């Protein structure tokens, strides 16, 4: 609005609006990036839980095998 009041050229006003919109969209992309990466590659929490489940399954298998021998 200040630029319009100061009689700035239309191209300067347009460039400023584009810069502001670009900065705002870049901020949103940066904020969403971790969520997108987690959905594509999985999060560390899911991986940790999966590893713990596998270890528990292996322990049960070993315990069962020990009881059968």
N, C-alpha and C. Protein backbone atom coordinates (compact mmCIF):
# COMPACT_ATOMS: atom_id res chain seq x y z
N UNK A 1 0.81 -1.18 0.00
CA UNK A 1 0.00 0.00 0.00
C UNK A 1 0.87 1.25 0.00
N UNK A 2 1.97 1.18 0.76
CA UNK A 2 2.85 2.35 0.81
C UNK A 2 3.41 2.68 -0.57
N UNK A 3 3.71 1.65 -1.34
CA UNK A 3 4.26 1.89 -2.67
C UNK A 3 3.23 2.55 -3.58
N UNK A 4 1.98 2.18 -3.41
CA UNK A 4 0.93 2.79 -4.23
C UNK A 4 0.76 4.27 -3.86
N UNK A 5 0.85 4.55 -2.58
CA UNK A 5 0.71 5.93 -2.12
C UNK A 5 1.89 6.77 -2.59
N UNK A 6 3.09 6.16 -2.60
CA UNK A 6 4.30 6.87 -3.01
C UNK A 6 4.46 6.95 -4.52
N UNK A 7 3.46 6.53 -5.27
CA UNK A 7 3.48 6.55 -6.73
C UNK A 7 4.61 5.72 -7.33
N UNK A 8 4.83 4.53 -6.79
CA UNK A 8 5.81 3.62 -7.36
C UNK A 8 5.25 3.06 -8.66
N UNK A 9 6.11 2.63 -9.53
CA UNK A 9 5.64 2.11 -10.81
C UNK A 9 4.91 0.78 -10.61
N UNK A 10 4.07 0.48 -11.56
CA UNK A 10 3.28 -0.75 -11.48
C UNK A 10 4.18 -1.98 -11.46
N UNK A 11 5.27 -1.95 -12.20
CA UNK A 11 6.17 -3.10 -12.24
C UNK A 11 6.88 -3.29 -10.89
N UNK A 12 7.22 -2.19 -10.22
CA UNK A 12 7.84 -2.30 -8.90
C UNK A 12 6.86 -2.88 -7.88
N UNK A 13 5.61 -2.44 -7.95
CA UNK A 13 4.59 -2.96 -7.05
C UNK A 13 4.36 -4.43 -7.32
N UNK A 14 4.26 -4.80 -8.58
CA UNK A 14 4.07 -6.20 -8.96
C UNK A 14 5.23 -7.06 -8.49
N UNK A 15 6.46 -6.58 -8.69
CA UNK A 15 7.64 -7.33 -8.24
C UNK A 15 7.65 -7.52 -6.74
N UNK A 16 7.27 -6.51 -5.99
CA UNK A 16 7.24 -6.60 -4.53
C UNK A 16 6.19 -7.61 -4.08
N UNK A 17 5.02 -7.58 -4.71
CA UNK A 17 3.96 -8.54 -4.38
C UNK A 17 4.44 -9.96 -4.67
N UNK A 18 5.09 -10.15 -5.81
CA UNK A 18 5.60 -11.48 -6.16
C UNK A 18 6.65 -11.94 -5.16
N UNK A 19 7.53 -11.03 -4.75
CA UNK A 19 8.56 -11.38 -3.77
C UNK A 19 7.94 -11.81 -2.44
N UNK A 20 6.91 -11.07 -2.00
CA UNK A 20 6.25 -11.41 -0.74
C UNK A 20 5.55 -12.76 -0.83
N UNK A 21 4.86 -13.00 -1.94
CA UNK A 21 4.18 -14.28 -2.12
C UNK A 21 5.16 -15.44 -2.22
N UNK A 22 6.28 -15.22 -2.91
CA UNK A 22 7.30 -16.25 -3.03
C UNK A 22 7.89 -16.59 -1.66
N UNK A 23 8.18 -15.57 -0.85
CA UNK A 23 8.74 -15.80 0.49
C UNK A 23 7.75 -16.57 1.35
N UNK A 24 6.49 -16.21 1.25
CA UNK A 24 5.47 -16.90 2.05
C UNK A 24 5.32 -18.36 1.62
N UNK A 25 5.31 -18.61 0.33
CA UNK A 25 5.18 -19.99 -0.14
C UNK A 25 6.44 -20.80 0.17
N UNK A 26 7.60 -20.18 0.10
CA UNK A 26 8.84 -20.88 0.44
C UNK A 26 8.84 -21.29 1.92
N UNK A 27 8.31 -20.43 2.76
CA UNK A 27 8.22 -20.75 4.19
C UNK A 27 7.30 -21.95 4.42
N UNK A 28 6.19 -21.97 3.72
CA UNK A 28 5.26 -23.10 3.85
C UNK A 28 5.89 -24.40 3.35
N UNK A 29 6.61 -24.33 2.26
CA UNK A 29 7.28 -25.51 1.73
C UNK A 29 8.31 -26.02 2.74
N UNK A 30 9.09 -25.11 3.31
CA UNK A 30 10.09 -25.51 4.30
C UNK A 30 9.44 -26.15 5.53
N UNK A 31 8.29 -25.65 5.93
CA UNK A 31 7.60 -26.22 7.08
C UNK A 31 7.01 -27.59 6.76
N UNK A 32 6.60 -27.82 5.54
CA UNK A 32 5.99 -29.10 5.15
C UNK A 32 7.02 -30.15 4.76
N UNK A 33 8.23 -29.74 4.44
CA UNK A 33 9.25 -30.66 3.95
C UNK A 33 9.49 -31.87 4.87
N UNK A 34 9.61 -31.71 6.19
CA UNK A 34 9.82 -32.90 7.04
C UNK A 34 8.66 -33.89 6.96
N UNK A 35 7.43 -33.39 6.88
CA UNK A 35 6.28 -34.29 6.76
C UNK A 35 6.32 -35.08 5.46
N UNK A 36 6.68 -34.40 4.39
CA UNK A 36 6.75 -35.08 3.09
C UNK A 36 7.86 -36.12 3.10
N UNK A 37 8.99 -35.78 3.68
CA UNK A 37 10.11 -36.73 3.74
C UNK A 37 9.73 -37.95 4.57
N UNK A 38 9.05 -37.74 5.69
CA UNK A 38 8.62 -38.85 6.52
C UNK A 38 7.64 -39.75 5.79
N UNK A 39 6.73 -39.17 5.03
CA UNK A 39 5.76 -40.00 4.33
C UNK A 39 6.40 -40.77 3.18
N UNK A 40 7.44 -40.21 2.57
CA UNK A 40 8.10 -40.91 1.47
C UNK A 40 9.10 -41.96 1.96
N UNK A 41 9.88 -41.60 2.97
CA UNK A 41 10.98 -42.46 3.39
C UNK A 41 10.76 -43.10 4.75
N UNK A 42 9.66 -42.80 5.40
CA UNK A 42 9.39 -43.33 6.73
C UNK A 42 10.09 -42.51 7.78
N UNK A 43 9.50 -42.48 8.94
CA UNK A 43 10.11 -41.70 10.01
C UNK A 43 10.99 -42.58 10.87
N UNK A 44 11.84 -41.98 11.65
CA UNK A 44 12.73 -42.71 12.54
C UNK A 44 11.94 -43.44 13.62
N UNK A 45 10.84 -42.86 14.07
CA UNK A 45 10.03 -43.49 15.10
C UNK A 45 9.45 -44.81 14.61
N UNK A 46 8.94 -44.83 13.39
CA UNK A 46 8.39 -46.05 12.84
C UNK A 46 9.47 -47.10 12.69
N UNK A 47 10.65 -46.69 12.25
CA UNK A 47 11.75 -47.61 12.06
C UNK A 47 12.19 -48.20 13.39
N UNK A 48 12.26 -47.39 14.44
CA UNK A 48 12.65 -47.86 15.76
C UNK A 48 11.65 -48.87 16.28
N UNK A 49 10.37 -48.59 16.12
CA UNK A 49 9.33 -49.51 16.58
C UNK A 49 9.40 -50.82 15.81
N UNK A 50 9.67 -50.73 14.52
CA UNK A 50 9.78 -51.94 13.70
C UNK A 50 10.97 -52.78 14.13
N UNK A 51 12.08 -52.16 14.42
CA UNK A 51 13.28 -52.89 14.86
C UNK A 51 13.00 -53.57 16.20
N UNK A 52 12.34 -52.86 17.12
CA UNK A 52 12.02 -53.44 18.42
C UNK A 52 11.10 -54.65 18.25
N UNK A 53 10.13 -54.56 17.35
CA UNK A 53 9.23 -55.69 17.10
C UNK A 53 10.00 -56.88 16.56
N UNK A 54 10.95 -56.64 15.65
CA UNK A 54 11.75 -57.72 15.10
C UNK A 54 12.61 -58.37 16.17
N UNK A 55 13.18 -57.58 17.06
CA UNK A 55 14.01 -58.12 18.14
C UNK A 55 13.15 -58.96 19.07
N UNK A 56 11.96 -58.48 19.41
CA UNK A 56 11.06 -59.24 20.27
C UNK A 56 10.66 -60.56 19.62
N UNK A 57 10.39 -60.54 18.32
CA UNK A 57 10.04 -61.76 17.59
C UNK A 57 11.19 -62.75 17.62
N UNK A 58 12.41 -62.26 17.44
CA UNK A 58 13.58 -63.14 17.46
C UNK A 58 13.79 -63.72 18.85
N UNK A 59 13.57 -62.94 19.89
CA UNK A 59 13.73 -63.43 21.26
C UNK A 59 12.71 -64.52 21.54
N UNK A 60 11.48 -64.35 21.07
CA UNK A 60 10.45 -65.36 21.26
C UNK A 60 10.80 -66.64 20.52
N UNK A 61 11.35 -66.49 19.32
CA UNK A 61 11.75 -67.66 18.53
C UNK A 61 12.86 -68.41 19.24
N UNK A 62 13.84 -67.72 19.77
CA UNK A 62 14.95 -68.35 20.49
C UNK A 62 14.43 -69.03 21.74
N UNK A 63 13.53 -68.38 22.48
CA UNK A 63 12.98 -68.95 23.70
C UNK A 63 12.19 -70.21 23.38
N UNK A 64 11.44 -70.19 22.29
CA UNK A 64 10.67 -71.37 21.88
C UNK A 64 11.60 -72.49 21.47
N UNK A 65 12.64 -72.17 20.75
CA UNK A 65 13.59 -73.18 20.31
C UNK A 65 14.32 -73.79 21.51
N UNK A 66 14.65 -72.99 22.50
CA UNK A 66 15.31 -73.51 23.70
C UNK A 66 14.42 -74.46 24.46
N UNK A 67 13.13 -74.18 24.49
CA UNK A 67 12.17 -75.03 25.22
C UNK A 67 11.95 -76.35 24.51
N UNK A 68 12.12 -76.40 23.21
CA UNK A 68 11.88 -77.63 22.43
C UNK A 68 13.04 -78.57 22.48
N UNK A 69 14.22 -78.08 22.74
CA UNK A 69 15.41 -78.95 22.68
C UNK A 69 15.55 -79.76 23.91
